Amino acid sequence: MVPEINIWAVLVATLSTMVVGSLWYTPKVFGNYWMRVAKVSPSGEAKDAVKPILITLAVSFVSALVLAGSVAIAQEFYGGSFLGNSLITAVILWAGFTAARFITHDAFEGRPAGLTALNCAHELVTYLVMGLIIGLFGI
């Protein structure tokens, strides 16, 4: 059985990841810190950003689709508020998959704890916004 998914919610949630990332990593927010501790040096060429942006859109679509499917399953199992299930499912998936993997990989790679915390927080906000959108759109 395939869970019922609102494709419009998935598409808007996908686009929301670009908005959240653009705001989060802008130099005046966390961008300067992120570039310094992640040792990222932008080339200054707009064309160099095309490939990472397309990859981000593709993986964001997959994340939004999986989140929407997981929310539909949670809703079927638990009942209650679709919005509440959307936000709780977003946090659970973030903690169990995204944050856990970031922390593990960053520990082995010797990345600064501040960078790990920054990226994990960004992913939490991203998942919460996606969950909010999916929850508000409904099935």
C-alpha atoms as a PDB file:
ATOM      1  CA  MET A   1       0.000   0.000   0.000  1.00  0.00           C
ATOM      2  CA  VAL A   2       1.384   3.405  -0.988  1.00  0.00           C
ATOM      3  CA  PRO A   3       0.638   6.329   1.346  1.00  0.00           C
ATOM      4  CA  GLU A   4      -1.438   9.176  -0.044  1.00  0.00           C
ATOM      5  CA  ILE A   5       0.806  12.173  -0.710  1.00  0.00           C
ATOM      6  CA  ASN A   6      -0.106  15.722  -1.715  1.00  0.00           C
ATOM      7  CA  ILE A   7       2.357  16.426  -4.527  1.00  0.00           C
ATOM      8  CA  TRP A   8       1.757  20.185  -4.254  1.00  0.00           C
ATOM      9  CA  ALA A   9       2.811  20.069  -0.614  1.00  0.00           C
ATOM     10  CA  VAL A  10       5.930  18.149  -1.617  1.00  0.00           C
ATOM     11  CA  LEU A  11       6.806  20.669  -4.344  1.00  0.00           C
ATOM     12  CA  VAL A  12       6.305  23.691  -2.077  1.00  0.00           C
ATOM     13  CA  ALA A  13       8.248  21.960   0.715  1.00  0.00           C
ATOM     14  CA  THR A  14      11.056  21.279  -1.765  1.00  0.00           C
ATOM     15  CA  LEU A  15      11.230  24.951  -2.721  1.00  0.00           C
ATOM     16  CA  SER A  16      11.125  25.954   0.940  1.00  0.00           C
ATOM     17  CA  THR A  17      14.471  24.246   1.498  1.00  0.00           C
ATOM     18  CA  MET A  18      16.037  26.660  -0.971  1.00  0.00           C
ATOM     19  CA  VAL A  19      14.549  29.646   0.854  1.00  0.00           C
ATOM     20  CA  VAL A  20      15.663  28.389   4.276  1.00  0.00           C
ATOM     21  CA  GLY A  21      19.169  27.587   3.002  1.00  0.00           C
ATOM     22  CA  SER A  22      19.507  30.916   1.218  1.00  0.00           C
ATOM     23  CA  LEU A  23      18.579  32.811   4.362  1.00  0.00           C
ATOM     24  CA  TRP A  24      20.534  30.588   6.792  1.00  0.00           C
ATOM     25  CA  TYR A  25      23.793  30.647   4.859  1.00  0.00           C
ATOM     26  CA  THR A  26      23.700  34.261   3.733  1.00  0.00           C
ATOM     27  CA  PRO A  27      26.871  36.036   4.917  1.00  0.00           C
ATOM     28  CA  LYS A  28      24.993  38.313   7.329  1.00  0.00           C
ATOM     29  CA  VAL A  29      23.323  35.357   9.074  1.00  0.00           C
ATOM     30  CA  PHE A  30      25.600  32.276   9.349  1.00  0.00           C
ATOM     31  CA  GLY A  31      27.317  32.291   5.948  1.00  0.00           C
ATOM     32  CA  ASN A  32      30.593  33.940   6.972  1.00  0.00           C
ATOM     33  CA  TYR A  33      30.997  31.630   9.967  1.00  0.00           C
ATOM     34  CA  TRP A  34      30.077  28.571   7.877  1.00  0.00           C
ATOM     35  CA  MET A  35      32.564  29.441   5.110  1.00  0.00           C
ATOM     36  CA  ARG A  36      35.335  30.014   7.635  1.00  0.00           C
ATOM     37  CA  VAL A  37      34.893  26.841   9.704  1.00  0.00           C
ATOM     38  CA  ALA A  38      33.954  24.624   6.735  1.00  0.00           C
ATOM     39  CA  LYS A  39      36.918  26.039   4.805  1.00  0.00           C
ATOM     40  CA  VAL A  40      34.756  26.978   1.830  1.00  0.00           C
ATOM     41  CA  SER A  41      36.027  29.606  -0.584  1.00  0.00           C
ATOM     42  CA  PRO A  42      33.420  30.767  -3.080  1.00  0.00           C
ATOM     43  CA  SER A  43      34.737  31.238  -6.586  1.00  0.00           C
ATOM     44  CA  GLY A  44      32.560  34.285  -7.188  1.00  0.00           C
ATOM     45  CA  GLU A  45      31.285  32.720 -10.414  1.00  0.00           C
ATOM     46  CA  ALA A  46      27.513  32.193 -10.482  1.00  0.00           C
ATOM     47  CA  LYS A  47      27.899  29.236 -12.845  1.00  0.00           C
ATOM     48  CA  ASP A  48      29.779  27.325 -10.134  1.00  0.00           C
ATOM     49  CA  ALA A  49      26.629  27.296  -7.988  1.00  0.00           C
ATOM     50  CA  VAL A  50      24.384  25.687 -10.629  1.00  0.00           C
ATOM     51  CA  LYS A  51      25.393  22.066  -9.992  1.00  0.00           C
ATOM     52  CA  PRO A  52      25.126  22.249  -6.163  1.00  0.00           C
ATOM     53  CA  ILE A  53      21.745  23.994  -6.454  1.00  0.00           C
ATOM     54  CA  LEU A  54      20.389  21.321  -8.816  1.00  0.00           C
ATOM     55  CA  ILE A  55      21.663  18.573  -6.510  1.00  0.00           C
ATOM     56  CA  THR A  56      20.067  20.341  -3.544  1.00  0.00           C
ATOM     57  CA  LEU A  57      16.732  20.559  -5.359  1.00  0.00           C
ATOM     58  CA  ALA A  58      16.825  16.853  -6.208  1.00  0.00           C
ATOM     59  CA  VAL A  59      17.684  15.668  -2.690  1.00  0.00           C
ATOM     60  CA  SER A  60      15.252  18.166  -1.162  1.00  0.00           C
ATOM     61  CA  PHE A  61      12.495  16.697  -3.314  1.00  0.00           C
ATOM     62  CA  VAL A  62      13.374  13.213  -2.076  1.00  0.00           C
ATOM     63  CA  SER A  63      13.415  14.445   1.537  1.00  0.00           C
ATOM     64  CA  ALA A  64      10.045  16.194   1.154  1.00  0.00           C
ATOM     65  CA  LEU A  65       8.548  13.132  -0.528  1.00  0.00           C
ATOM     66  CA  VAL A  66       9.792  10.794   2.207  1.00  0.00           C
ATOM     67  CA  LEU A  67       8.587  13.194   4.898  1.00  0.00           C
ATOM     68  CA  ALA A  68       5.138  13.455   3.291  1.00  0.00           C
ATOM     69  CA  GLY A  69       4.882   9.681   3.008  1.00  0.00           C
ATOM     70  CA  SER A  70       6.014   9.221   6.596  1.00  0.00           C
ATOM     71  CA  VAL A  71       3.493  11.794   7.792  1.00  0.00           C
ATOM     72  CA  ALA A  72       0.689  10.016   5.910  1.00  0.00           C
ATOM     73  CA  ILE A  73       1.665   6.733   7.580  1.00  0.00           C
ATOM     74  CA  ALA A  74       1.896   8.406  11.005  1.00  0.00           C
ATOM     75  CA  GLN A  75      -1.508  10.005  10.459  1.00  0.00           C
ATOM     76  CA  GLU A  76      -3.051   6.669   9.546  1.00  0.00           C
ATOM     77  CA  PHE A  77      -1.480   5.008  12.589  1.00  0.00           C
ATOM     78  CA  TYR A  78      -1.926   7.698  15.244  1.00  0.00           C
ATOM     79  CA  GLY A  79      -4.831   9.780  13.970  1.00  0.00           C
ATOM     80  CA  GLY A  80      -5.334  13.207  15.523  1.00  0.00           C
ATOM     81  CA  SER A  81      -3.912  16.411  14.121  1.00  0.00           C
ATOM     82  CA  PHE A  82      -2.325  16.131  10.690  1.00  0.00           C
ATOM     83  CA  LEU A  83      -0.292  19.278  11.348  1.00  0.00           C
ATOM     84  CA  GLY A  84       0.882  17.951  14.708  1.00  0.00           C
ATOM     85  CA  ASN A  85       1.841  14.606  13.178  1.00  0.00           C
ATOM     86  CA  SER A  86       3.693  16.445  10.405  1.00  0.00           C
ATOM     87  CA  LEU A  87       5.815  18.463  12.832  1.00  0.00           C
ATOM     88  CA  ILE A  88       6.504  15.527  15.170  1.00  0.00           C
ATOM     89  CA  THR A  89       7.427  13.266  12.259  1.00  0.00           C
ATOM     90  CA  ALA A  90       9.757  15.967  10.895  1.00  0.00           C
ATOM     91  CA  VAL A  91      11.594  16.185  14.233  1.00  0.00           C
ATOM     92  CA  ILE A  92      11.821  12.396  14.597  1.00  0.00           C
ATOM     93  CA  LEU A  93      13.191  11.922  11.073  1.00  0.00           C
ATOM     94  CA  TRP A  94      15.622  14.820  11.552  1.00  0.00           C
ATOM     95  CA  ALA A  95      16.923  13.430  14.859  1.00  0.00           C
ATOM     96  CA  GLY A  96      17.072   9.800  13.794  1.00  0.00           C
ATOM     97  CA  PHE A  97      18.587  10.228  10.369  1.00  0.00           C
ATOM     98  CA  THR A  98      19.915  13.696   9.610  1.00  0.00           C
ATOM     99  CA  ALA A  99      21.324  14.874  12.949  1.00  0.00           C
ATOM    100  CA  ALA A 100      22.596  11.421  13.909  1.00  0.00           C
ATOM    101  CA  ARG A 101      24.486  11.071  10.606  1.00  0.00           C
ATOM    102  CA  PHE A 102      25.877  14.623  10.702  1.00  0.00           C
ATOM    103  CA  ILE A 103      27.206  14.106  14.219  1.00  0.00           C
ATOM    104  CA  THR A 104      28.773  10.734  13.380  1.00  0.00           C
ATOM    105  CA  HIS A 105      30.441  11.859  10.156  1.00  0.00           C
ATOM    106  CA  ASP A 106      31.620  15.168  11.586  1.00  0.00           C
ATOM    107  CA  ALA A 107      33.135  13.386  14.604  1.00  0.00           C
ATOM    108  CA  PHE A 108      35.132  11.042  12.386  1.00  0.00           C
ATOM    109  CA  GLU A 109      36.141  13.872  10.050  1.00  0.00           C
ATOM    110  CA  GLY A 110      37.247  16.055  12.961  1.00  0.00           C
ATOM    111  CA  ARG A 111      34.964  18.928  12.036  1.00  0.00           C
ATOM    112  CA  PRO A 112      34.445  21.661  14.624  1.00  0.00           C
ATOM    113  CA  ALA A 113      31.509  21.088  16.974  1.00  0.00           C
ATOM    114  CA  GLY A 114      30.180  24.559  16.112  1.00  0.00           C
ATOM    115  CA  LEU A 115      29.944  23.597  12.444  1.00  0.00           C
ATOM    116  CA  THR A 116      28.110  20.398  13.324  1.00  0.00           C
ATOM    117  CA  ALA A 117      25.683  22.307  15.544  1.00  0.00           C
ATOM    118  CA  LEU A 118      25.127  24.960  12.846  1.00  0.00           C
ATOM    119  CA  ASN A 119      24.408  22.399  10.135  1.00  0.00           C
ATOM    120  CA  CYS A 120      22.201  20.269  12.401  1.00  0.00           C
ATOM    121  CA  ALA A 121      20.221  23.353  13.428  1.00  0.00           C
ATOM    122  CA  HIS A 122      19.821  24.327   9.777  1.00  0.00           C
ATOM    123  CA  GLU A 123      18.481  20.877   8.962  1.00  0.00           C
ATOM    124  CA  LEU A 124      16.079  21.014  11.914  1.00  0.00           C
ATOM    125  CA  VAL A 125      14.655  24.338  10.732  1.00  0.00           C
ATOM    126  CA  THR A 126      14.460  22.984   7.172  1.00  0.00           C
ATOM    127  CA  TYR A 127      12.563  19.870   8.299  1.00  0.00           C
ATOM    128  CA  LEU A 128      10.235  21.897  10.529  1.00  0.00           C
ATOM    129  CA  VAL A 129       9.372  24.235   7.655  1.00  0.00           C
ATOM    130  CA  MET A 130       8.775  21.263   5.344  1.00  0.00           C
ATOM    131  CA  GLY A 131       6.646  19.618   8.051  1.00  0.00           C
ATOM    132  CA  LEU A 132       4.674  22.823   8.515  1.00  0.00           C
ATOM    133  CA  ILE A 133       3.984  23.091   4.788  1.00  0.00           C
ATOM    134  CA  ILE A 134       3.011  19.430   4.452  1.00  0.00           C
ATOM    135  CA  GLY A 135       0.880  19.686   7.574  1.00  0.00           C
ATOM    136  CA  LEU A 136      -0.936  22.791   6.372  1.00  0.00           C
ATOM    137  CA  PHE A 137      -1.563  21.431   2.876  1.00  0.00           C
ATOM    138  CA  GLY A 138      -2.872  18.122   4.200  1.00  0.00           C
ATOM    139  CA  ILE A 139      -3.463  15.060   2.070  1.00  0.00           C
END
